[in-house]
Amino acid sequence: MNDYFARFTNAPASFKKGFTMLVVAWAIHPIYIYAFFFFNQAVTQAEGVILRMAVVSGCLALLLFLIKKWARALVVMGNCFIVVYDIFVLAISPSNKVLSLLCVGVVLFAIFGTYWLFAKDSRTYFSQVNPKDESKDPLDPKAGSDLPK
């Protein structure tokens, strides 16, 4: 685990900004869902939904912290689902300033965090930390030369 902390401390500022913004968005997301059910007097029946949203948010943060190349793609997909879900909840709920502010917070932090995650410095750092091992490409005819014939 210390290796992951070292990777994170050596990461460029753009990655750290993106990670921080995304963690804030993912922290606000379950709060937003809780507030939606709280204002609609249905919190007792929504514990499972709120717990699932908190677990998804935590998993996305952990996977991004591991600095794996595929984690960025998973984060983008997760952010898309979270943003669409939150906007849908806002559209079907009665107007409320608290819900609106929480939704705007999730959407803005998710968009800007994703932007910083794909900044040039962050992309370069992900490529350096996770280099492609071209010798193991099964489609490469040179890589298969050591296979029995």
N, C-alpha and C. Protein backbone atom coordinates (compact mmCIF):
# COMPACT_ATOMS: atom_id res chain seq x y z
N MET A 1 0.83 -1.19 0.00
CA MET A 1 0.00 0.00 0.00
C MET A 1 0.87 1.25 0.00
N ASN A 2 2.07 1.17 0.58
CA ASN A 2 2.97 2.32 0.59
C ASN A 2 3.36 2.73 -0.82
N ASP A 3 3.44 1.73 -1.72
CA ASP A 3 3.75 2.04 -3.11
C ASP A 3 2.68 2.95 -3.71
N TYR A 4 1.42 2.71 -3.36
CA TYR A 4 0.34 3.55 -3.89
C TYR A 4 0.39 4.95 -3.31
N PHE A 5 0.76 5.07 -2.03
CA PHE A 5 0.91 6.40 -1.44
C PHE A 5 2.07 7.14 -2.10
N ALA A 6 3.14 6.43 -2.40
CA ALA A 6 4.28 7.05 -3.09
C ALA A 6 3.88 7.51 -4.48
N ARG A 7 3.12 6.67 -5.19
CA ARG A 7 2.64 7.07 -6.52
C ARG A 7 1.78 8.32 -6.44
N PHE A 8 0.91 8.34 -5.43
CA PHE A 8 0.02 9.49 -5.30
C PHE A 8 0.80 10.76 -4.96
N THR A 9 1.78 10.67 -4.07
CA THR A 9 2.55 11.87 -3.71
C THR A 9 3.41 12.35 -4.86
N ASN A 10 3.82 11.44 -5.75
CA ASN A 10 4.63 11.83 -6.91
C ASN A 10 3.79 12.25 -8.11
N ALA A 11 2.49 12.14 -8.00
CA ALA A 11 1.61 12.49 -9.11
C ALA A 11 1.64 13.99 -9.38
N PRO A 12 1.39 14.38 -10.63
CA PRO A 12 1.36 15.82 -10.94
C PRO A 12 0.17 16.52 -10.27
N ALA A 13 0.27 17.82 -10.19
CA ALA A 13 -0.77 18.63 -9.54
C ALA A 13 -2.13 18.46 -10.22
N SER A 14 -2.13 18.29 -11.54
CA SER A 14 -3.41 18.14 -12.25
C SER A 14 -4.14 16.88 -11.80
N PHE A 15 -3.40 15.78 -11.59
CA PHE A 15 -4.04 14.55 -11.11
C PHE A 15 -4.58 14.75 -9.70
N LYS A 16 -3.80 15.40 -8.84
CA LYS A 16 -4.24 15.62 -7.46
C LYS A 16 -5.48 16.52 -7.41
N LYS A 17 -5.52 17.54 -8.27
CA LYS A 17 -6.71 18.40 -8.34
C LYS A 17 -7.93 17.59 -8.78
N GLY A 18 -7.75 16.81 -9.84
CA GLY A 18 -8.85 15.99 -10.35
C GLY A 18 -9.32 14.98 -9.31
N PHE A 19 -8.38 14.32 -8.66
CA PHE A 19 -8.74 13.34 -7.64
C PHE A 19 -9.51 14.00 -6.50
N THR A 20 -9.04 15.16 -6.04
CA THR A 20 -9.71 15.86 -4.95
C THR A 20 -11.12 16.27 -5.35
N MET A 21 -11.27 16.83 -6.54
CA MET A 21 -12.60 17.24 -7.00
C MET A 21 -13.55 16.06 -7.14
N LEU A 22 -13.04 14.94 -7.64
CA LEU A 22 -13.89 13.77 -7.80
C LEU A 22 -14.28 13.17 -6.46
N VAL A 23 -13.36 13.17 -5.50
CA VAL A 23 -13.70 12.66 -4.17
C VAL A 23 -14.78 13.54 -3.53
N VAL A 24 -14.67 14.85 -3.73
CA VAL A 24 -15.70 15.76 -3.20
C VAL A 24 -17.05 15.47 -3.88
N ALA A 25 -17.03 15.29 -5.20
CA ALA A 25 -18.28 14.97 -5.92
C ALA A 25 -18.87 13.66 -5.42
N TRP A 26 -18.01 12.66 -5.23
CA TRP A 26 -18.49 11.35 -4.79
C TRP A 26 -18.93 11.38 -3.33
N ALA A 27 -18.43 12.30 -2.55
CA ALA A 27 -18.89 12.45 -1.16
C ALA A 27 -20.24 13.18 -1.11
N ILE A 28 -20.41 14.14 -1.99
CA ILE A 28 -21.67 14.89 -2.03
C ILE A 28 -22.81 14.03 -2.58
N HIS A 29 -22.48 13.12 -3.48
CA HIS A 29 -23.51 12.31 -4.14
C HIS A 29 -24.41 11.54 -3.16
N PRO A 30 -23.87 10.75 -2.22
CA PRO A 30 -24.78 10.07 -1.28
C PRO A 30 -25.54 11.05 -0.38
N ILE A 31 -24.91 12.18 -0.05
CA ILE A 31 -25.60 13.21 0.74
C ILE A 31 -26.79 13.75 -0.05
N TYR A 32 -26.59 13.94 -1.33
CA TYR A 32 -27.66 14.42 -2.21
C TYR A 32 -28.82 13.42 -2.24
N ILE A 33 -28.49 12.14 -2.38
CA ILE A 33 -29.53 11.11 -2.41
C ILE A 33 -30.26 11.08 -1.07
N TYR A 34 -29.52 11.17 0.03
CA TYR A 34 -30.15 11.19 1.35
C TYR A 34 -31.08 12.40 1.47
N ALA A 35 -30.61 13.56 1.02
CA ALA A 35 -31.44 14.78 1.10
C ALA A 35 -32.70 14.63 0.27
N PHE A 36 -32.60 13.98 -0.89
CA PHE A 36 -33.78 13.77 -1.72
C PHE A 36 -34.84 12.97 -0.96
N PHE A 37 -34.42 11.88 -0.34
CA PHE A 37 -35.37 11.06 0.40
C PHE A 37 -35.81 11.74 1.69
N PHE A 38 -34.93 12.52 2.30
CA PHE A 38 -35.28 13.22 3.54
C PHE A 38 -36.40 14.23 3.29
N PHE A 39 -36.26 15.01 2.21
CA PHE A 39 -37.27 16.02 1.91
C PHE A 39 -38.57 15.41 1.39
N ASN A 40 -38.50 14.16 0.99
CA ASN A 40 -39.71 13.48 0.53
C ASN A 40 -40.22 12.46 1.55
N GLN A 41 -39.78 12.55 2.78
CA GLN A 41 -40.22 11.71 3.90
C GLN A 41 -40.16 10.21 3.57
N ALA A 42 -39.09 9.77 2.98
CA ALA A 42 -38.99 8.34 2.65
C ALA A 42 -37.63 7.76 3.01
N VAL A 43 -36.92 8.37 3.95
CA VAL A 43 -35.57 7.94 4.28
C VAL A 43 -35.54 6.51 4.82
N THR A 44 -36.51 6.11 5.59
CA THR A 44 -36.49 4.78 6.18
C THR A 44 -36.52 3.68 5.12
N GLN A 45 -37.12 3.95 4.00
CA GLN A 45 -37.20 2.95 2.94
C GLN A 45 -36.03 3.06 1.96
N ALA A 46 -35.18 4.05 2.12
CA ALA A 46 -34.14 4.31 1.14
C ALA A 46 -32.75 3.98 1.63
N GLU A 47 -32.63 3.31 2.78
CA GLU A 47 -31.30 3.04 3.32
C GLU A 47 -30.44 2.22 2.36
N GLY A 48 -31.04 1.27 1.68
CA GLY A 48 -30.29 0.46 0.71
C GLY A 48 -29.77 1.27 -0.45
N VAL A 49 -30.58 2.17 -0.96
CA VAL A 49 -30.17 3.01 -2.09
C VAL A 49 -29.01 3.92 -1.67
N ILE A 50 -29.15 4.52 -0.51
CA ILE A 50 -28.11 5.43 -0.03
C ILE A 50 -26.82 4.66 0.21
N LEU A 51 -26.91 3.48 0.78
CA LEU A 51 -25.73 2.66 1.03
C LEU A 51 -25.05 2.25 -0.27
N ARG A 52 -25.83 1.86 -1.28
CA ARG A 52 -25.26 1.50 -2.58
C ARG A 52 -24.53 2.68 -3.20
N MET A 53 -25.12 3.86 -3.12
CA MET A 53 -24.47 5.04 -3.69
C MET A 53 -23.17 5.37 -2.96
N ALA A 54 -23.15 5.20 -1.65
CA ALA A 54 -21.93 5.44 -0.88
C ALA A 54 -20.85 4.41 -1.24
N VAL A 55 -21.24 3.15 -1.44
CA VAL A 55 -20.28 2.11 -1.81
C VAL A 55 -19.72 2.38 -3.20
N VAL A 56 -20.56 2.76 -4.14
CA VAL A 56 -20.09 3.08 -5.50
C VAL A 56 -19.11 4.25 -5.45
N SER A 57 -19.43 5.28 -4.70
CA SER A 57 -18.56 6.43 -4.58
C SER A 57 -17.22 6.04 -3.97
N GLY A 58 -17.24 5.24 -2.93
CA GLY A 58 -16.01 4.80 -2.29
C GLY A 58 -15.16 3.92 -3.20
N CYS A 59 -15.81 3.03 -3.94
CA CYS A 59 -15.07 2.16 -4.87
C CYS A 59 -14.40 2.97 -5.98
N LEU A 60 -15.10 3.94 -6.52
CA LEU A 60 -14.50 4.78 -7.57
C LEU A 60 -13.28 5.52 -7.03
N ALA A 61 -13.38 6.04 -5.82
CA ALA A 61 -12.24 6.75 -5.24
C ALA A 61 -11.06 5.81 -5.03
N LEU A 62 -11.31 4.62 -4.53
CA LEU A 62 -10.23 3.66 -4.29
C LEU A 62 -9.57 3.23 -5.59
N LEU A 63 -10.37 2.93 -6.61
CA LEU A 63 -9.81 2.49 -7.88
C LEU A 63 -8.98 3.59 -8.54
N LEU A 64 -9.43 4.82 -8.42
CA LEU A 64 -8.66 5.92 -8.99
C LEU A 64 -7.37 6.12 -8.21
N PHE A 65 -7.41 5.95 -6.89
CA PHE A 65 -6.22 6.09 -6.06
C PHE A 65 -5.15 5.07 -6.44
N LEU A 66 -5.56 3.90 -6.92
CA LEU A 66 -4.61 2.86 -7.31
C LEU A 66 -3.84 3.22 -8.58
N ILE A 67 -4.28 4.26 -9.28
CA ILE A 67 -3.63 4.79 -10.48
C ILE A 67 -3.43 3.71 -11.53
N LYS A 68 -4.51 3.05 -11.89
CA LYS A 68 -4.49 2.09 -12.98
C LYS A 68 -5.09 2.77 -14.21
N LYS A 69 -4.58 2.42 -15.39
CA LYS A 69 -5.08 3.06 -16.61
C LYS A 69 -6.58 2.82 -16.80
N TRP A 70 -7.04 1.61 -16.57
CA TRP A 70 -8.45 1.29 -16.76
C TRP A 70 -9.33 2.00 -15.75
N ALA A 71 -8.75 2.44 -14.64
CA ALA A 71 -9.54 3.12 -13.61
C ALA A 71 -10.08 4.45 -14.13
N ARG A 72 -9.33 5.12 -14.99
CA ARG A 72 -9.82 6.39 -15.53
C ARG A 72 -11.07 6.18 -16.37
N ALA A 73 -11.08 5.14 -17.19
CA ALA A 73 -12.26 4.85 -18.01
C ALA A 73 -13.45 4.49 -17.12
N LEU A 74 -13.19 3.70 -16.09
CA LEU A 74 -14.26 3.33 -15.16
C LEU A 74 -14.79 4.55 -14.43
N VAL A 75 -13.91 5.46 -14.07
CA VAL A 75 -14.32 6.70 -13.39
C VAL A 75 -15.20 7.54 -14.30
N VAL A 76 -14.84 7.63 -15.56
CA VAL A 76 -15.65 8.41 -16.50
C VAL A 76 -17.04 7.80 -16.63
N MET A 77 -17.11 6.48 -16.75
CA MET A 77 -18.43 5.83 -16.83
C MET A 77 -19.22 6.03 -15.54
N GLY A 78 -18.56 5.87 -14.40
CA GLY A 78 -19.22 6.08 -13.11
C GLY A 78 -19.72 7.50 -12.96
N ASN A 79 -18.90 8.45 -13.38
CA ASN A 79 -19.32 9.86 -13.31
C ASN A 79 -20.51 10.13 -14.21
N CYS A 80 -20.52 9.54 -15.39
CA CYS A 80 -21.66 9.73 -16.29
C CYS A 80 -22.95 9.22 -15.64
N PHE A 81 -22.88 8.03 -15.06
CA PHE A 81 -24.06 7.48 -14.40
C PHE A 81 -24.49 8.33 -13.21
N ILE A 82 -23.52 8.78 -12.41
CA ILE A 82 -23.84 9.60 -11.24
C ILE A 82 -24.47 10.92 -11.65
N VAL A 83 -23.90 11.58 -12.65
CA VAL A 83 -24.43 12.87 -13.09
C VAL A 83 -25.83 12.72 -13.68
N VAL A 84 -26.02 11.71 -14.54
CA VAL A 84 -27.34 11.49 -15.13
C VAL A 84 -28.36 11.14 -14.05
N TYR A 85 -27.98 10.29 -13.11
CA TYR A 85 -28.87 9.90 -12.02
C TYR A 85 -29.26 11.11 -11.18
N ASP A 86 -28.28 11.94 -10.83
CA ASP A 86 -28.57 13.10 -9.99
C ASP A 86 -29.43 14.13 -10.71
N ILE A 87 -29.19 14.33 -12.00
CA ILE A 87 -30.02 15.26 -12.76
C ILE A 87 -31.44 14.71 -12.89
N PHE A 88 -31.57 13.41 -13.09
CA PHE A 88 -32.89 12.80 -13.15
C PHE A 88 -33.64 12.97 -11.83
N VAL A 89 -32.95 12.72 -10.72
CA VAL A 89 -33.57 12.89 -9.40
C VAL A 89 -34.01 14.34 -9.22
N LEU A 90 -33.18 15.28 -9.64
CA LEU A 90 -33.53 16.69 -9.52
C LEU A 90 -34.75 17.02 -10.38
N ALA A 91 -34.83 16.41 -11.56
CA ALA A 91 -35.94 16.69 -12.46
C ALA A 91 -37.27 16.16 -11.93
N ILE A 92 -37.23 15.03 -11.22
CA ILE A 92 -38.50 14.46 -10.75
C ILE A 92 -38.88 14.93 -9.35
N SER A 93 -37.96 15.57 -8.66
CA SER A 93 -38.25 15.99 -7.29
C SER A 93 -38.86 17.39 -7.28
N PRO A 94 -39.61 17.70 -6.25
CA PRO A 94 -40.13 19.06 -6.13
C PRO A 94 -38.96 20.03 -5.94
N SER A 95 -39.14 21.25 -6.42
CA SER A 95 -38.03 22.21 -6.35
C SER A 95 -37.66 22.48 -4.89
N ASN A 96 -36.37 22.49 -4.67
CA ASN A 96 -35.82 22.67 -3.34
C ASN A 96 -34.42 23.24 -3.51
N LYS A 97 -34.09 24.30 -2.80
CA LYS A 97 -32.78 24.95 -2.96
C LYS A 97 -31.64 24.04 -2.53
N VAL A 98 -31.83 23.28 -1.46
CA VAL A 98 -30.77 22.40 -0.97
C VAL A 98 -30.47 21.32 -2.00
N LEU A 99 -31.51 20.69 -2.53
CA LEU A 99 -31.30 19.66 -3.55
C LEU A 99 -30.64 20.23 -4.79
N SER A 100 -31.06 21.42 -5.19
CA SER A 100 -30.47 22.05 -6.37
C SER A 100 -29.00 22.33 -6.17
N LEU A 101 -28.63 22.86 -5.01
CA LEU A 101 -27.22 23.16 -4.72
C LEU A 101 -26.38 21.89 -4.67
N LEU A 102 -26.89 20.85 -4.04
CA LEU A 102 -26.15 19.59 -3.97
C LEU A 102 -25.96 18.99 -5.37
N CYS A 103 -27.01 19.05 -6.18
CA CYS A 103 -26.91 18.52 -7.54
C CYS A 103 -25.90 19.30 -8.37
N VAL A 104 -25.95 20.61 -8.28
CA VAL A 104 -24.98 21.44 -9.01
C VAL A 104 -23.56 21.14 -8.53
N GLY A 105 -23.39 20.94 -7.22
CA GLY A 105 -22.08 20.60 -6.68
C GLY A 105 -21.56 19.29 -7.24
N VAL A 106 -22.39 18.26 -7.26
CA VAL A 106 -21.97 16.97 -7.79
C VAL A 106 -21.59 17.11 -9.26
N VAL A 107 -22.45 17.76 -10.03
CA VAL A 107 -22.21 17.86 -11.48
C VAL A 107 -20.94 18.66 -11.77
N LEU A 108 -20.77 19.80 -11.14
CA LEU A 108 -19.59 20.63 -11.41
C LEU A 108 -18.30 19.95 -10.95
N PHE A 109 -18.29 19.40 -9.74
CA PHE A 109 -17.08 18.73 -9.27
C PHE A 109 -16.76 17.51 -10.13
N ALA A 110 -17.77 16.77 -10.58
CA ALA A 110 -17.52 15.60 -11.42
C ALA A 110 -16.96 16.01 -12.78
N ILE A 111 -17.51 17.04 -13.38
CA ILE A 111 -17.04 17.49 -14.70
C ILE A 111 -15.62 18.05 -14.62
N PHE A 112 -15.38 18.95 -13.68
CA PHE A 112 -14.04 19.54 -13.58
C PHE A 112 -13.01 18.54 -13.08
N GLY A 113 -13.40 17.64 -12.20
CA GLY A 113 -12.48 16.60 -11.75
C GLY A 113 -12.08 15.68 -12.89
N THR A 114 -13.04 15.32 -13.73
CA THR A 114 -12.74 14.48 -14.89
C THR A 114 -11.85 15.23 -15.87
N TYR A 115 -12.09 16.52 -16.04
CA TYR A 115 -11.23 17.33 -16.92
C TYR A 115 -9.78 17.28 -16.44
N TRP A 116 -9.56 17.51 -15.15
CA TRP A 116 -8.20 17.51 -14.62
C TRP A 116 -7.58 16.12 -14.68
N LEU A 117 -8.40 15.10 -14.60
CA LEU A 117 -7.90 13.74 -14.68
C LEU A 117 -7.36 13.43 -16.08
N PHE A 118 -7.89 14.10 -17.09
CA PHE A 118 -7.45 13.87 -18.45
C PHE A 118 -6.56 14.98 -18.99
N ALA A 119 -6.07 15.84 -18.11
CA ALA A 119 -5.10 16.85 -18.53
C ALA A 119 -3.82 16.14 -18.98
N LYS A 120 -3.03 16.82 -19.78
CA LYS A 120 -1.83 16.21 -20.38
C LYS A 120 -0.89 15.64 -19.32
N ASP A 121 -0.65 16.36 -18.25
CA ASP A 121 0.26 15.87 -17.20
C ASP A 121 -0.27 14.58 -16.58
N SER A 122 -1.55 14.53 -16.32
CA SER A 122 -2.15 13.33 -15.72
C SER A 122 -2.08 12.15 -16.67
N ARG A 123 -2.38 12.38 -17.93
CA ARG A 123 -2.31 11.29 -18.91
C ARG A 123 -0.90 10.74 -19.02
N THR A 124 0.07 11.64 -19.07
CA THR A 124 1.47 11.22 -19.16
C THR A 124 1.87 10.43 -17.92
N TYR A 125 1.44 10.88 -16.76
CA TYR A 125 1.79 10.18 -15.52
C TYR A 125 1.17 8.79 -15.49
N PHE A 126 -0.08 8.64 -15.92
CA PHE A 126 -0.71 7.33 -15.97
C PHE A 126 0.06 6.40 -16.91
N SER A 127 0.53 6.93 -18.03
CA SER A 127 1.28 6.11 -18.98
C SER A 127 2.64 5.70 -18.41
N GLN A 128 3.28 6.59 -17.65
CA GLN A 128 4.57 6.26 -17.06
C GLN A 128 4.43 5.22 -15.96
N VAL A 129 3.40 5.34 -15.15
CA VAL A 129 3.21 4.42 -14.03
C VAL A 129 2.76 3.05 -14.53
N ASN A 130 1.99 3.03 -15.60
CA ASN A 130 1.46 1.77 -16.16
C ASN A 130 1.91 1.61 -17.61
N PRO A 131 3.19 1.31 -17.83
CA PRO A 131 3.64 1.18 -19.23
C PRO A 131 3.05 -0.07 -19.87
N LYS A 132 2.89 0.01 -21.19
CA LYS A 132 2.39 -1.15 -21.93
C LYS A 132 3.52 -2.16 -22.05
N ASP A 133 3.21 -3.42 -21.82
CA ASP A 133 4.17 -4.49 -22.02
C ASP A 133 3.87 -5.10 -23.39
N GLU A 134 4.59 -4.61 -24.40
CA GLU A 134 4.29 -4.98 -25.78
C GLU A 134 4.68 -6.42 -26.10
N SER A 135 5.55 -7.01 -25.29
CA SER A 135 5.99 -8.37 -25.60
C SER A 135 4.90 -9.41 -25.33
N LYS A 136 3.87 -9.05 -24.59
CA LYS A 136 2.82 -9.99 -24.26
C LYS A 136 1.58 -9.82 -25.13
N ASP A 137 1.69 -9.09 -26.21
CA ASP A 137 0.56 -8.88 -27.10
C ASP A 137 0.30 -10.15 -27.90
N PRO A 138 -0.87 -10.78 -27.71
CA PRO A 138 -1.13 -12.05 -28.40
C PRO A 138 -1.29 -11.88 -29.91
N LEU A 139 -1.54 -10.68 -30.39
CA LEU A 139 -1.71 -10.47 -31.83
C LEU A 139 -0.40 -10.14 -32.52
N ASP A 140 0.66 -9.94 -31.75
CA ASP A 140 1.96 -9.60 -32.32
C ASP A 140 2.66 -10.89 -32.76
N PRO A 141 3.00 -11.02 -34.06
CA PRO A 141 3.64 -12.25 -34.53
C PRO A 141 5.02 -12.48 -33.90
N LYS A 142 5.72 -11.42 -33.55
CA LYS A 142 7.04 -11.55 -32.92
C LYS A 142 6.93 -12.04 -31.49
N ALA A 143 5.85 -11.70 -30.82
CA ALA A 143 5.68 -12.09 -29.42
C ALA A 143 5.40 -13.58 -29.30
N GLY A 144 4.85 -14.21 -30.32
CA GLY A 144 4.50 -15.61 -30.24
C GLY A 144 5.59 -16.53 -30.70
N SER A 145 6.81 -16.01 -30.96
CA SER A 145 7.86 -16.84 -31.51
C SER A 145 8.36 -17.90 -30.52
N ASP A 146 8.14 -17.71 -29.23
CA ASP A 146 8.62 -18.68 -28.25
C ASP A 146 7.58 -19.77 -27.95
N LEU A 147 6.47 -19.74 -28.65
CA LEU A 147 5.43 -20.74 -28.46
C LEU A 147 5.81 -22.03 -29.17
N PRO A 148 5.42 -23.19 -28.63
CA PRO A 148 5.71 -24.45 -29.33
C PRO A 148 4.95 -24.54 -30.65
N LYS A 149 5.59 -25.19 -31.61
CA LYS A 149 4.98 -25.26 -32.95
C LYS A 149 4.40 -26.61 -33.22
